[in-house]
N, C-alpha and C. Protein backbone atom coordinates (compact mmCIF):
# COMPACT_ATOMS: atom_id res chain seq x y z
N MET A 1 20.24 -1.56 -23.36
CA MET A 1 20.68 -2.08 -22.07
C MET A 1 19.51 -2.12 -21.10
N LYS A 2 18.75 -1.01 -21.04
CA LYS A 2 17.61 -0.94 -20.12
C LYS A 2 16.56 -1.97 -20.50
N LYS A 3 16.35 -2.13 -21.83
CA LYS A 3 15.34 -3.08 -22.30
C LYS A 3 15.71 -4.51 -21.93
N SER A 4 17.00 -4.85 -22.11
CA SER A 4 17.44 -6.21 -21.78
C SER A 4 17.34 -6.46 -20.29
N LEU A 5 17.60 -5.42 -19.49
CA LEU A 5 17.51 -5.56 -18.04
C LEU A 5 16.07 -5.82 -17.62
N LEU A 6 15.15 -5.14 -18.29
CA LEU A 6 13.73 -5.36 -18.00
C LEU A 6 13.32 -6.79 -18.31
N ILE A 7 13.82 -7.31 -19.42
CA ILE A 7 13.47 -8.68 -19.81
C ILE A 7 13.97 -9.67 -18.78
N ILE A 8 15.20 -9.44 -18.28
CA ILE A 8 15.76 -10.34 -17.27
C ILE A 8 14.94 -10.29 -15.99
N LEU A 9 14.56 -9.09 -15.58
CA LEU A 9 13.84 -8.94 -14.32
C LEU A 9 12.42 -9.46 -14.36
N PHE A 10 11.78 -9.33 -15.51
CA PHE A 10 10.35 -9.62 -15.55
C PHE A 10 9.96 -10.85 -16.37
N THR A 11 10.94 -11.66 -16.76
CA THR A 11 10.61 -12.94 -17.38
C THR A 11 10.33 -13.92 -16.25
N LEU A 12 9.13 -13.83 -15.73
CA LEU A 12 8.76 -14.60 -14.54
C LEU A 12 7.90 -15.79 -14.92
N PHE A 13 7.90 -16.79 -14.07
CA PHE A 13 7.11 -17.99 -14.31
C PHE A 13 5.87 -17.96 -13.46
N VAL A 14 4.70 -18.16 -14.10
CA VAL A 14 3.44 -18.17 -13.38
C VAL A 14 3.11 -19.60 -12.99
N PHE A 15 3.13 -19.89 -11.70
CA PHE A 15 2.86 -21.24 -11.23
C PHE A 15 1.37 -21.41 -11.02
N SER A 16 0.84 -22.53 -11.50
CA SER A 16 -0.58 -22.83 -11.35
C SER A 16 -0.94 -22.92 -9.88
N GLY A 17 -1.97 -22.15 -9.50
CA GLY A 17 -2.44 -22.19 -8.12
C GLY A 17 -1.56 -21.41 -7.17
N PHE A 18 -0.62 -20.60 -7.67
CA PHE A 18 0.26 -19.84 -6.81
C PHE A 18 -0.56 -18.87 -5.96
N SER A 19 -0.38 -18.92 -4.66
CA SER A 19 -1.13 -18.07 -3.75
C SER A 19 -0.39 -17.97 -2.43
N GLN A 20 -0.54 -16.81 -1.78
CA GLN A 20 0.08 -16.62 -0.49
C GLN A 20 -0.93 -15.98 0.45
N SER A 21 -0.83 -16.29 1.74
CA SER A 21 -1.73 -15.69 2.71
C SER A 21 -1.36 -14.22 2.89
N ARG A 22 -2.35 -13.43 3.25
CA ARG A 22 -2.14 -12.00 3.40
C ARG A 22 -1.24 -11.71 4.60
N THR A 23 -0.32 -10.78 4.42
CA THR A 23 0.48 -10.28 5.52
C THR A 23 0.34 -8.77 5.51
N GLU A 24 0.38 -8.18 6.68
CA GLU A 24 0.03 -6.77 6.81
C GLU A 24 1.00 -5.80 6.17
N HIS A 25 2.22 -6.24 5.85
CA HIS A 25 3.15 -5.30 5.23
C HIS A 25 3.06 -5.33 3.70
N TYR A 26 2.20 -6.16 3.15
CA TYR A 26 1.93 -6.17 1.72
C TYR A 26 0.52 -5.65 1.47
N VAL A 27 0.36 -4.85 0.42
CA VAL A 27 -0.93 -4.21 0.14
C VAL A 27 -1.94 -5.20 -0.43
N LEU A 28 -1.49 -6.05 -1.36
CA LEU A 28 -2.39 -7.02 -1.97
C LEU A 28 -2.41 -8.32 -1.17
N PRO A 29 -3.53 -9.02 -1.16
CA PRO A 29 -3.63 -10.26 -0.39
C PRO A 29 -2.73 -11.38 -0.91
N GLU A 30 -2.30 -11.29 -2.17
CA GLU A 30 -1.40 -12.29 -2.73
C GLU A 30 -0.62 -11.70 -3.89
N PHE A 31 0.47 -12.33 -4.23
CA PHE A 31 1.25 -11.89 -5.39
C PHE A 31 0.45 -12.21 -6.65
N THR A 32 0.35 -11.23 -7.54
CA THR A 32 -0.52 -11.32 -8.70
C THR A 32 0.20 -10.80 -9.93
N GLU A 33 -0.15 -11.32 -11.09
CA GLU A 33 0.44 -10.82 -12.33
C GLU A 33 -0.01 -9.39 -12.57
N GLY A 34 0.93 -8.51 -12.82
CA GLY A 34 0.62 -7.11 -13.05
C GLY A 34 1.50 -6.54 -14.14
N ILE A 35 1.27 -5.28 -14.44
CA ILE A 35 2.01 -4.58 -15.49
C ILE A 35 2.71 -3.36 -14.89
N VAL A 36 3.99 -3.22 -15.18
CA VAL A 36 4.76 -2.05 -14.77
C VAL A 36 4.96 -1.17 -15.99
N LEU A 37 4.46 0.07 -15.91
CA LEU A 37 4.60 1.03 -17.00
C LEU A 37 5.68 2.03 -16.65
N LEU A 38 6.74 2.08 -17.47
CA LEU A 38 7.82 3.03 -17.24
C LEU A 38 7.48 4.39 -17.82
N LYS A 39 8.20 5.40 -17.37
CA LYS A 39 7.94 6.77 -17.84
C LYS A 39 8.24 6.93 -19.32
N ASN A 40 9.07 6.06 -19.88
CA ASN A 40 9.37 6.14 -21.31
C ASN A 40 8.36 5.36 -22.16
N GLY A 41 7.31 4.81 -21.51
CA GLY A 41 6.25 4.11 -22.24
C GLY A 41 6.42 2.61 -22.31
N GLU A 42 7.58 2.07 -21.90
CA GLU A 42 7.78 0.62 -21.93
C GLU A 42 6.91 -0.06 -20.88
N ARG A 43 6.42 -1.25 -21.23
CA ARG A 43 5.60 -2.03 -20.31
C ARG A 43 6.23 -3.40 -20.09
N SER A 44 6.15 -3.89 -18.87
CA SER A 44 6.65 -5.23 -18.55
C SER A 44 5.68 -5.91 -17.60
N LYS A 45 5.56 -7.23 -17.73
CA LYS A 45 4.68 -8.01 -16.87
C LYS A 45 5.49 -8.76 -15.83
N GLY A 46 4.87 -9.03 -14.70
CA GLY A 46 5.54 -9.80 -13.66
C GLY A 46 4.57 -10.20 -12.58
N ILE A 47 4.96 -11.16 -11.77
CA ILE A 47 4.18 -11.55 -10.60
C ILE A 47 4.68 -10.67 -9.45
N LEU A 48 3.83 -9.82 -8.93
CA LEU A 48 4.33 -8.79 -8.02
C LEU A 48 3.33 -8.40 -6.94
N ASN A 49 3.81 -7.56 -6.05
CA ASN A 49 3.01 -7.02 -4.96
C ASN A 49 3.70 -5.73 -4.52
N TYR A 50 3.04 -4.96 -3.66
CA TYR A 50 3.65 -3.73 -3.16
C TYR A 50 3.87 -3.84 -1.67
N ASN A 51 5.12 -3.66 -1.25
CA ASN A 51 5.50 -3.75 0.15
C ASN A 51 5.40 -2.36 0.78
N ALA A 52 4.39 -2.16 1.64
CA ALA A 52 4.15 -0.86 2.25
C ALA A 52 5.16 -0.52 3.33
N LEU A 53 5.91 -1.50 3.77
CA LEU A 53 6.90 -1.28 4.81
C LEU A 53 8.18 -0.68 4.24
N THR A 54 8.51 -1.07 3.01
CA THR A 54 9.74 -0.61 2.38
C THR A 54 9.50 0.31 1.19
N ASP A 55 8.21 0.52 0.83
CA ASP A 55 7.85 1.35 -0.33
C ASP A 55 8.49 0.80 -1.61
N ASN A 56 8.47 -0.51 -1.74
CA ASN A 56 9.06 -1.15 -2.92
C ASN A 56 8.05 -2.03 -3.64
N ILE A 57 8.17 -2.06 -4.97
CA ILE A 57 7.49 -3.09 -5.75
C ILE A 57 8.33 -4.35 -5.60
N ILE A 58 7.71 -5.45 -5.17
CA ILE A 58 8.44 -6.71 -4.97
C ILE A 58 7.99 -7.70 -6.04
N ILE A 59 8.95 -8.30 -6.73
CA ILE A 59 8.62 -9.28 -7.76
C ILE A 59 8.97 -10.68 -7.25
N GLN A 60 8.19 -11.64 -7.73
CA GLN A 60 8.40 -13.04 -7.36
C GLN A 60 8.93 -13.79 -8.57
N LYS A 61 10.06 -14.43 -8.39
CA LYS A 61 10.69 -15.16 -9.50
C LYS A 61 11.28 -16.45 -8.97
N GLU A 62 10.81 -17.56 -9.52
CA GLU A 62 11.32 -18.87 -9.16
C GLU A 62 11.28 -19.08 -7.64
N GLY A 63 10.19 -18.65 -7.03
CA GLY A 63 10.02 -18.85 -5.60
C GLY A 63 10.74 -17.86 -4.72
N LYS A 64 11.48 -16.93 -5.31
CA LYS A 64 12.22 -15.94 -4.54
C LYS A 64 11.58 -14.56 -4.70
N LEU A 65 11.74 -13.72 -3.67
CA LEU A 65 11.20 -12.36 -3.69
C LEU A 65 12.35 -11.37 -3.78
N MET A 66 12.20 -10.38 -4.67
CA MET A 66 13.23 -9.37 -4.79
C MET A 66 12.60 -8.03 -5.13
N PRO A 67 13.16 -6.93 -4.59
CA PRO A 67 12.62 -5.61 -4.90
C PRO A 67 13.03 -5.15 -6.29
N LEU A 68 12.20 -4.33 -6.89
CA LEU A 68 12.57 -3.69 -8.15
C LEU A 68 13.78 -2.81 -7.86
N ASN A 69 14.80 -2.87 -8.72
CA ASN A 69 16.00 -2.09 -8.41
C ASN A 69 15.70 -0.59 -8.44
N ASN A 70 16.54 0.18 -7.76
CA ASN A 70 16.28 1.60 -7.54
C ASN A 70 16.08 2.38 -8.83
N ASN A 71 16.87 2.06 -9.84
CA ASN A 71 16.78 2.79 -11.11
C ASN A 71 15.43 2.57 -11.78
N LEU A 72 14.99 1.30 -11.82
CA LEU A 72 13.70 1.01 -12.44
C LEU A 72 12.55 1.57 -11.60
N ALA A 73 12.68 1.51 -10.28
CA ALA A 73 11.64 2.04 -9.40
C ALA A 73 11.45 3.53 -9.63
N ARG A 74 12.56 4.25 -9.75
CA ARG A 74 12.48 5.70 -9.98
C ARG A 74 11.84 6.01 -11.32
N ASN A 75 12.06 5.15 -12.30
CA ASN A 75 11.55 5.40 -13.64
C ASN A 75 10.21 4.73 -13.92
N THR A 76 9.61 4.14 -12.90
CA THR A 76 8.29 3.54 -13.06
C THR A 76 7.23 4.60 -12.88
N ASP A 77 6.30 4.66 -13.80
CA ASP A 77 5.23 5.66 -13.74
C ASP A 77 3.98 5.09 -13.07
N THR A 78 3.57 3.90 -13.50
CA THR A 78 2.31 3.34 -13.02
C THR A 78 2.42 1.83 -12.87
N LEU A 79 1.73 1.31 -11.88
CA LEU A 79 1.64 -0.12 -11.64
C LEU A 79 0.18 -0.54 -11.76
N TYR A 80 -0.09 -1.49 -12.66
CA TYR A 80 -1.45 -2.02 -12.83
C TYR A 80 -1.48 -3.45 -12.32
N VAL A 81 -2.35 -3.72 -11.35
CA VAL A 81 -2.43 -5.07 -10.81
C VAL A 81 -3.80 -5.28 -10.17
N SER A 82 -4.42 -6.43 -10.45
CA SER A 82 -5.73 -6.78 -9.90
C SER A 82 -6.77 -5.70 -10.16
N ASN A 83 -6.79 -5.19 -11.39
CA ASN A 83 -7.72 -4.13 -11.78
C ASN A 83 -7.58 -2.88 -10.92
N ARG A 84 -6.40 -2.68 -10.37
CA ARG A 84 -6.11 -1.51 -9.57
C ARG A 84 -4.93 -0.76 -10.18
N LYS A 85 -4.88 0.54 -9.91
CA LYS A 85 -3.86 1.38 -10.52
C LYS A 85 -3.09 2.12 -9.43
N PHE A 86 -1.77 1.94 -9.42
CA PHE A 86 -0.91 2.60 -8.45
C PHE A 86 0.01 3.56 -9.20
N VAL A 87 0.01 4.81 -8.77
CA VAL A 87 0.77 5.86 -9.46
C VAL A 87 1.96 6.30 -8.62
N ASN A 88 3.08 6.50 -9.28
CA ASN A 88 4.29 6.97 -8.59
C ASN A 88 4.14 8.46 -8.31
N ARG A 89 3.97 8.79 -7.03
CA ARG A 89 3.87 10.19 -6.61
C ARG A 89 4.97 10.48 -5.59
N HIS A 90 5.90 11.33 -6.00
CA HIS A 90 6.98 11.74 -5.10
C HIS A 90 7.76 10.54 -4.57
N GLY A 91 7.93 9.52 -5.40
CA GLY A 91 8.72 8.36 -5.01
C GLY A 91 7.95 7.30 -4.25
N LYS A 92 6.65 7.51 -4.03
CA LYS A 92 5.81 6.52 -3.36
C LYS A 92 4.68 6.13 -4.32
N PHE A 93 4.30 4.84 -4.27
CA PHE A 93 3.22 4.37 -5.12
C PHE A 93 1.91 4.45 -4.35
N MET A 94 1.00 5.29 -4.86
CA MET A 94 -0.30 5.48 -4.23
C MET A 94 -1.39 4.97 -5.17
N GLU A 95 -2.40 4.35 -4.60
CA GLU A 95 -3.48 3.82 -5.42
C GLU A 95 -4.43 4.94 -5.82
N LEU A 96 -4.73 5.00 -7.11
CA LEU A 96 -5.67 5.99 -7.63
C LEU A 96 -7.09 5.45 -7.45
N LEU A 97 -7.91 6.18 -6.68
CA LEU A 97 -9.27 5.73 -6.39
C LEU A 97 -10.31 6.50 -7.19
N LEU A 98 -10.10 7.79 -7.37
CA LEU A 98 -11.03 8.64 -8.11
C LEU A 98 -10.24 9.59 -8.99
N ASN A 99 -10.79 9.89 -10.16
CA ASN A 99 -10.14 10.87 -11.04
C ASN A 99 -11.20 11.63 -11.82
N SER A 100 -12.26 12.02 -11.13
CA SER A 100 -13.35 12.77 -11.74
C SER A 100 -13.87 13.78 -10.72
N ASN A 101 -13.92 15.05 -11.11
CA ASN A 101 -14.33 16.11 -10.20
C ASN A 101 -13.45 16.10 -8.95
N GLY A 102 -12.16 15.93 -9.17
CA GLY A 102 -11.20 15.81 -8.08
C GLY A 102 -10.51 14.46 -8.17
N THR A 103 -9.33 14.37 -7.58
CA THR A 103 -8.54 13.15 -7.63
C THR A 103 -8.29 12.66 -6.21
N LEU A 104 -8.53 11.37 -5.99
CA LEU A 104 -8.33 10.78 -4.67
C LEU A 104 -7.33 9.63 -4.76
N PHE A 105 -6.27 9.73 -3.96
CA PHE A 105 -5.28 8.67 -3.84
C PHE A 105 -5.32 8.13 -2.42
N VAL A 106 -4.90 6.87 -2.28
CA VAL A 106 -4.66 6.34 -0.93
C VAL A 106 -3.21 5.87 -0.88
N GLU A 107 -2.54 6.30 0.17
CA GLU A 107 -1.14 5.93 0.41
C GLU A 107 -1.10 4.86 1.49
N TYR A 108 -0.41 3.77 1.21
CA TYR A 108 -0.28 2.69 2.18
C TYR A 108 1.11 2.76 2.82
N TYR A 109 1.14 2.66 4.13
CA TYR A 109 2.42 2.62 4.82
C TYR A 109 2.28 1.76 6.07
N CYS A 110 3.41 1.41 6.65
CA CYS A 110 3.40 0.52 7.80
C CYS A 110 4.15 1.11 8.98
N VAL A 111 3.69 0.76 10.15
CA VAL A 111 4.42 1.03 11.38
C VAL A 111 4.94 -0.32 11.86
N LEU A 112 6.25 -0.42 12.01
CA LEU A 112 6.86 -1.68 12.42
C LEU A 112 7.07 -1.67 13.92
N LYS A 113 6.62 -2.74 14.57
CA LYS A 113 6.76 -2.85 16.01
C LYS A 113 7.54 -4.10 16.35
N SER A 114 8.24 -4.04 17.47
CA SER A 114 9.01 -5.18 17.95
C SER A 114 8.38 -5.68 19.23
N ASN A 115 7.96 -6.94 19.22
CA ASN A 115 7.36 -7.53 20.41
C ASN A 115 8.42 -8.20 21.26
N THR A 116 8.41 -7.90 22.54
CA THR A 116 9.34 -8.54 23.48
C THR A 116 8.56 -9.05 24.67
N GLU A 117 9.09 -10.06 25.30
CA GLU A 117 8.41 -10.65 26.46
C GLU A 117 9.18 -10.32 27.72
N ASP A 118 8.48 -9.69 28.67
CA ASP A 118 9.10 -9.34 29.94
C ASP A 118 8.58 -10.25 31.04
N ARG A 119 9.45 -10.63 31.95
CA ARG A 119 9.04 -11.44 33.10
C ARG A 119 9.22 -10.62 34.38
N ASN A 120 8.19 -10.69 35.23
CA ASN A 120 8.28 -9.95 36.48
C ASN A 120 8.88 -10.82 37.58
N ALA A 121 8.92 -10.28 38.79
CA ALA A 121 9.55 -10.98 39.90
C ALA A 121 8.84 -12.25 40.29
N TYR A 122 7.54 -12.38 39.88
CA TYR A 122 6.76 -13.56 40.24
C TYR A 122 6.81 -14.64 39.15
N GLY A 123 7.56 -14.36 38.08
CA GLY A 123 7.73 -15.36 37.04
C GLY A 123 6.73 -15.28 35.91
N SER A 124 5.70 -14.43 36.03
CA SER A 124 4.73 -14.30 34.94
C SER A 124 5.30 -13.39 33.86
N SER A 125 4.77 -13.54 32.66
CA SER A 125 5.30 -12.76 31.54
C SER A 125 4.22 -11.88 30.94
N SER A 126 4.67 -10.85 30.26
CA SER A 126 3.75 -9.95 29.57
C SER A 126 4.40 -9.49 28.28
N GLN A 127 3.55 -9.24 27.26
CA GLN A 127 4.07 -8.79 25.98
C GLN A 127 4.13 -7.27 25.95
N THR A 128 5.23 -6.72 25.50
CA THR A 128 5.36 -5.28 25.31
C THR A 128 5.66 -5.02 23.85
N SER A 129 5.27 -3.87 23.37
CA SER A 129 5.45 -3.55 21.96
C SER A 129 6.16 -2.21 21.83
N THR A 130 7.20 -2.20 21.02
CA THR A 130 7.98 -0.99 20.82
C THR A 130 8.06 -0.69 19.33
N THR A 131 7.74 0.55 18.95
CA THR A 131 7.83 0.95 17.55
C THR A 131 9.29 1.09 17.15
N VAL A 132 9.64 0.50 16.03
CA VAL A 132 11.01 0.60 15.53
C VAL A 132 10.97 1.16 14.11
N VAL A 133 12.08 1.70 13.67
CA VAL A 133 12.17 2.24 12.32
C VAL A 133 12.58 1.13 11.37
N ALA A 134 11.88 1.04 10.23
CA ALA A 134 12.15 -0.03 9.28
C ALA A 134 13.61 -0.07 8.84
N SER A 135 14.21 1.11 8.68
CA SER A 135 15.60 1.16 8.22
C SER A 135 16.56 0.51 9.21
N GLN A 136 16.15 0.43 10.47
CA GLN A 136 17.01 -0.16 11.49
C GLN A 136 17.18 -1.67 11.29
N VAL A 137 16.21 -2.30 10.64
CA VAL A 137 16.29 -3.74 10.44
C VAL A 137 16.33 -4.10 8.95
N ARG A 138 16.43 -3.09 8.10
CA ARG A 138 16.42 -3.33 6.65
C ARG A 138 17.52 -4.28 6.21
N ASN A 139 18.70 -4.13 6.78
CA ASN A 139 19.84 -4.95 6.37
C ASN A 139 19.75 -6.39 6.84
N GLN A 140 18.77 -6.69 7.68
CA GLN A 140 18.60 -8.07 8.12
C GLN A 140 17.94 -8.92 7.06
N GLY A 141 17.41 -8.30 6.01
CA GLY A 141 16.83 -9.04 4.91
C GLY A 141 15.51 -9.71 5.21
N VAL A 142 14.79 -9.22 6.22
CA VAL A 142 13.54 -9.89 6.60
C VAL A 142 12.31 -9.11 6.16
N LEU A 143 12.47 -7.87 5.75
CA LEU A 143 11.31 -7.03 5.46
C LEU A 143 10.59 -7.40 4.18
N TYR A 144 11.27 -8.14 3.28
CA TYR A 144 10.62 -8.55 2.04
C TYR A 144 9.92 -9.90 2.19
N ASN A 145 10.17 -10.58 3.28
CA ASN A 145 9.57 -11.90 3.47
C ASN A 145 8.05 -11.81 3.51
N LEU A 146 7.40 -12.90 3.08
CA LEU A 146 5.94 -12.93 3.16
C LEU A 146 5.49 -12.92 4.61
N GLU A 147 6.22 -13.61 5.45
CA GLU A 147 5.91 -13.62 6.88
C GLU A 147 7.09 -13.03 7.63
N LEU A 148 6.83 -12.02 8.44
CA LEU A 148 7.90 -11.44 9.25
C LEU A 148 8.21 -12.37 10.43
N PRO A 149 9.43 -12.32 10.95
CA PRO A 149 9.74 -13.10 12.15
C PRO A 149 8.80 -12.71 13.28
N GLU A 150 8.59 -13.62 14.21
CA GLU A 150 7.66 -13.38 15.31
C GLU A 150 8.03 -12.14 16.12
N LEU A 151 9.27 -11.76 16.09
CA LEU A 151 9.72 -10.60 16.85
C LEU A 151 9.07 -9.32 16.35
N TYR A 152 8.70 -9.28 15.05
CA TYR A 152 8.18 -8.06 14.46
C TYR A 152 6.70 -8.17 14.08
N VAL A 153 6.02 -7.06 14.24
CA VAL A 153 4.62 -6.94 13.82
C VAL A 153 4.48 -5.67 12.99
N ALA A 154 3.91 -5.78 11.80
CA ALA A 154 3.72 -4.62 10.93
C ALA A 154 2.25 -4.22 10.93
N GLU A 155 1.99 -2.97 11.22
CA GLU A 155 0.62 -2.46 11.23
C GLU A 155 0.40 -1.62 9.98
N LEU A 156 -0.48 -2.09 9.08
CA LEU A 156 -0.74 -1.38 7.84
C LEU A 156 -1.64 -0.18 8.11
N LYS A 157 -1.25 0.98 7.62
CA LYS A 157 -2.02 2.21 7.80
C LYS A 157 -2.32 2.85 6.45
N LEU A 158 -3.36 3.70 6.43
CA LEU A 158 -3.78 4.35 5.20
C LEU A 158 -3.84 5.86 5.41
N ARG A 159 -3.40 6.58 4.39
CA ARG A 159 -3.50 8.04 4.38
C ARG A 159 -4.06 8.45 3.01
N TYR A 160 -5.16 9.19 3.02
CA TYR A 160 -5.81 9.59 1.77
C TYR A 160 -5.35 10.99 1.36
N HIS A 161 -5.21 11.18 0.05
CA HIS A 161 -4.82 12.47 -0.52
C HIS A 161 -5.87 12.88 -1.54
N PHE A 162 -6.51 14.02 -1.30
CA PHE A 162 -7.54 14.51 -2.21
C PHE A 162 -7.06 15.80 -2.86
N ILE A 163 -7.12 15.84 -4.18
CA ILE A 163 -6.63 16.99 -4.94
C ILE A 163 -7.77 17.57 -5.79
N LYS A 164 -7.99 18.85 -5.64
CA LYS A 164 -9.01 19.53 -6.44
C LYS A 164 -8.64 21.00 -6.59
N ASP A 165 -8.77 21.48 -7.81
CA ASP A 165 -8.46 22.88 -8.11
C ASP A 165 -7.05 23.26 -7.67
N GLY A 166 -6.12 22.30 -7.82
CA GLY A 166 -4.73 22.57 -7.51
C GLY A 166 -4.38 22.52 -6.04
N ARG A 167 -5.34 22.19 -5.19
CA ARG A 167 -5.09 22.11 -3.75
C ARG A 167 -5.18 20.67 -3.28
N GLU A 168 -4.24 20.28 -2.42
CA GLU A 168 -4.21 18.91 -1.92
C GLU A 168 -4.49 18.88 -0.42
N SER A 169 -5.37 17.97 -0.02
CA SER A 169 -5.72 17.80 1.38
C SER A 169 -5.46 16.35 1.78
N GLY A 170 -4.99 16.15 3.00
CA GLY A 170 -4.72 14.80 3.48
C GLY A 170 -5.69 14.39 4.57
N PHE A 171 -6.13 13.14 4.54
CA PHE A 171 -7.04 12.60 5.53
C PHE A 171 -6.36 11.46 6.28
N GLU A 172 -6.22 11.60 7.59
CA GLU A 172 -5.60 10.56 8.41
C GLU A 172 -6.66 9.69 9.10
N THR A 173 -7.87 10.24 9.26
CA THR A 173 -8.96 9.53 9.92
C THR A 173 -10.27 9.86 9.22
N ILE A 174 -11.31 9.11 9.54
CA ILE A 174 -12.62 9.38 8.96
C ILE A 174 -13.14 10.73 9.44
N ARG A 175 -12.70 11.16 10.64
CA ARG A 175 -13.10 12.47 11.16
C ARG A 175 -12.54 13.60 10.31
N ASP A 176 -11.35 13.37 9.74
CA ASP A 176 -10.76 14.39 8.86
C ASP A 176 -11.62 14.61 7.63
N ILE A 177 -12.20 13.54 7.12
CA ILE A 177 -13.07 13.66 5.95
C ILE A 177 -14.34 14.42 6.32
N LYS A 178 -14.89 14.10 7.49
CA LYS A 178 -16.10 14.79 7.96
C LYS A 178 -15.82 16.28 8.15
N LYS A 179 -14.67 16.60 8.70
CA LYS A 179 -14.30 18.00 8.91
C LYS A 179 -14.11 18.72 7.58
N PHE A 180 -13.52 18.03 6.61
CA PHE A 180 -13.27 18.63 5.30
C PHE A 180 -14.58 19.00 4.61
N TYR A 181 -15.60 18.15 4.81
CA TYR A 181 -16.91 18.40 4.20
C TYR A 181 -17.90 18.91 5.26
N ALA A 182 -17.44 19.82 6.10
CA ALA A 182 -18.28 20.34 7.18
C ALA A 182 -19.55 21.01 6.64
N ASN A 183 -19.47 21.57 5.45
CA ASN A 183 -20.65 22.23 4.87
C ASN A 183 -21.64 21.22 4.29
N ARG A 184 -21.27 19.94 4.34
CA ARG A 184 -22.16 18.87 3.84
C ARG A 184 -22.46 17.89 4.98
N LYS A 185 -22.56 18.41 6.18
CA LYS A 185 -22.74 17.55 7.35
C LYS A 185 -23.98 16.67 7.24
N LYS A 186 -25.09 17.24 6.80
CA LYS A 186 -26.33 16.48 6.70
C LYS A 186 -26.20 15.35 5.69
N GLU A 187 -25.63 15.66 4.53
CA GLU A 187 -25.45 14.65 3.48
C GLU A 187 -24.43 13.59 3.91
N TYR A 188 -23.39 14.04 4.62
CA TYR A 188 -22.37 13.12 5.12
C TYR A 188 -23.00 12.10 6.06
N ASN A 189 -23.77 12.58 7.03
CA ASN A 189 -24.41 11.69 8.01
C ASN A 189 -25.41 10.76 7.33
N SER A 190 -26.15 11.28 6.35
CA SER A 190 -27.14 10.47 5.65
C SER A 190 -26.47 9.34 4.88
N PHE A 191 -25.35 9.64 4.21
CA PHE A 191 -24.63 8.62 3.45
C PHE A 191 -24.08 7.55 4.37
N LYS A 192 -23.48 7.96 5.49
CA LYS A 192 -22.92 6.99 6.43
C LYS A 192 -23.99 6.12 7.07
N LYS A 193 -25.17 6.68 7.23
CA LYS A 193 -26.26 5.91 7.82
C LYS A 193 -26.75 4.83 6.87
N SER A 194 -26.70 5.12 5.57
CA SER A 194 -27.20 4.18 4.56
C SER A 194 -26.11 3.27 4.00
N ASN A 195 -24.85 3.61 4.24
CA ASN A 195 -23.75 2.85 3.67
C ASN A 195 -22.69 2.58 4.74
N LYS A 196 -22.10 1.42 4.67
CA LYS A 196 -21.05 1.07 5.60
C LYS A 196 -19.74 1.67 5.10
N VAL A 197 -19.27 2.69 5.81
CA VAL A 197 -18.02 3.35 5.44
C VAL A 197 -16.93 2.92 6.41
N ASP A 198 -15.91 2.29 5.87
CA ASP A 198 -14.79 1.80 6.68
C ASP A 198 -13.53 2.51 6.18
N TYR A 199 -12.87 3.24 7.08
CA TYR A 199 -11.68 4.00 6.69
C TYR A 199 -10.61 3.10 6.09
N LYS A 200 -10.55 1.85 6.52
CA LYS A 200 -9.54 0.93 6.01
C LYS A 200 -9.99 0.22 4.73
N ASN A 201 -11.16 0.58 4.24
CA ASN A 201 -11.66 0.04 2.98
C ASN A 201 -11.68 1.18 1.96
N PRO A 202 -10.63 1.30 1.13
CA PRO A 202 -10.53 2.42 0.19
C PRO A 202 -11.74 2.58 -0.72
N LYS A 203 -12.34 1.47 -1.11
CA LYS A 203 -13.49 1.55 -2.00
C LYS A 203 -14.64 2.30 -1.33
N SER A 204 -14.89 2.01 -0.06
CA SER A 204 -16.00 2.67 0.63
C SER A 204 -15.71 4.14 0.86
N VAL A 205 -14.46 4.48 1.12
CA VAL A 205 -14.08 5.88 1.30
C VAL A 205 -14.21 6.62 -0.02
N ALA A 206 -13.81 5.97 -1.11
CA ALA A 206 -13.93 6.59 -2.44
C ALA A 206 -15.39 6.85 -2.79
N GLU A 207 -16.28 5.94 -2.43
CA GLU A 207 -17.71 6.14 -2.69
C GLU A 207 -18.26 7.32 -1.90
N LEU A 208 -17.81 7.47 -0.65
CA LEU A 208 -18.23 8.59 0.18
C LEU A 208 -17.76 9.91 -0.41
N VAL A 209 -16.49 9.99 -0.75
CA VAL A 209 -15.92 11.22 -1.30
C VAL A 209 -16.55 11.55 -2.65
N SER A 210 -16.77 10.53 -3.46
CA SER A 210 -17.40 10.73 -4.78
C SER A 210 -18.80 11.32 -4.61
N TYR A 211 -19.55 10.78 -3.65
CA TYR A 211 -20.91 11.27 -3.41
C TYR A 211 -20.89 12.74 -2.94
N LEU A 212 -20.07 13.03 -1.95
CA LEU A 212 -20.02 14.38 -1.41
C LEU A 212 -19.53 15.38 -2.45
N ASN A 213 -18.66 14.91 -3.33
CA ASN A 213 -18.11 15.78 -4.37
C ASN A 213 -19.11 16.06 -5.48
N SER A 214 -20.09 15.18 -5.61
CA SER A 214 -21.07 15.34 -6.69
C SER A 214 -22.20 16.31 -6.32
N LEU A 215 -22.27 16.70 -5.04
CA LEU A 215 -23.37 17.57 -4.59
C LEU A 215 -23.14 19.03 -5.00
């Protein structure tokens, strides 16, 4: 039964030249063919992406977008797409960046904001932004869309998780990484001076952590 369900879900059609513009609530710049590895060892292919706003793997089939159903999502171990590896950790898919002399993951998540226009007594308008909870608008069926309605703006954020010797540390900012490696301040500053480190670029953060870990 499970096997037949997988076949139905992942028998997808690859359209020549299929491409979508990047939207901030999706991790990958476009939907791409990837492999879903289940905990029982089964593998399935599909055109997919990861929605950081809803924490769902989204598959594209016949021009429509749909989330992986809850049962399959819970039983998914790893997602391979665009030469990247996303691991199911505590129900969230985090990208594995390093797995040598320590393990580094990056967790993608979104803050959803609602833009409204206010008019003052003189007739001029101004934009205001209010943070809203994704679950509040989940039933509207708009969170899986490639483009969110103009009313909503999704801000993609990154949180790094570093595990070594059984201890896990979280980094919310580049300053957190600097503080974590306080005993390597000189090497940290030297690396940043010679290399462009961007907190929103996981590859550059992984290179920094790899270097500091190798000392």
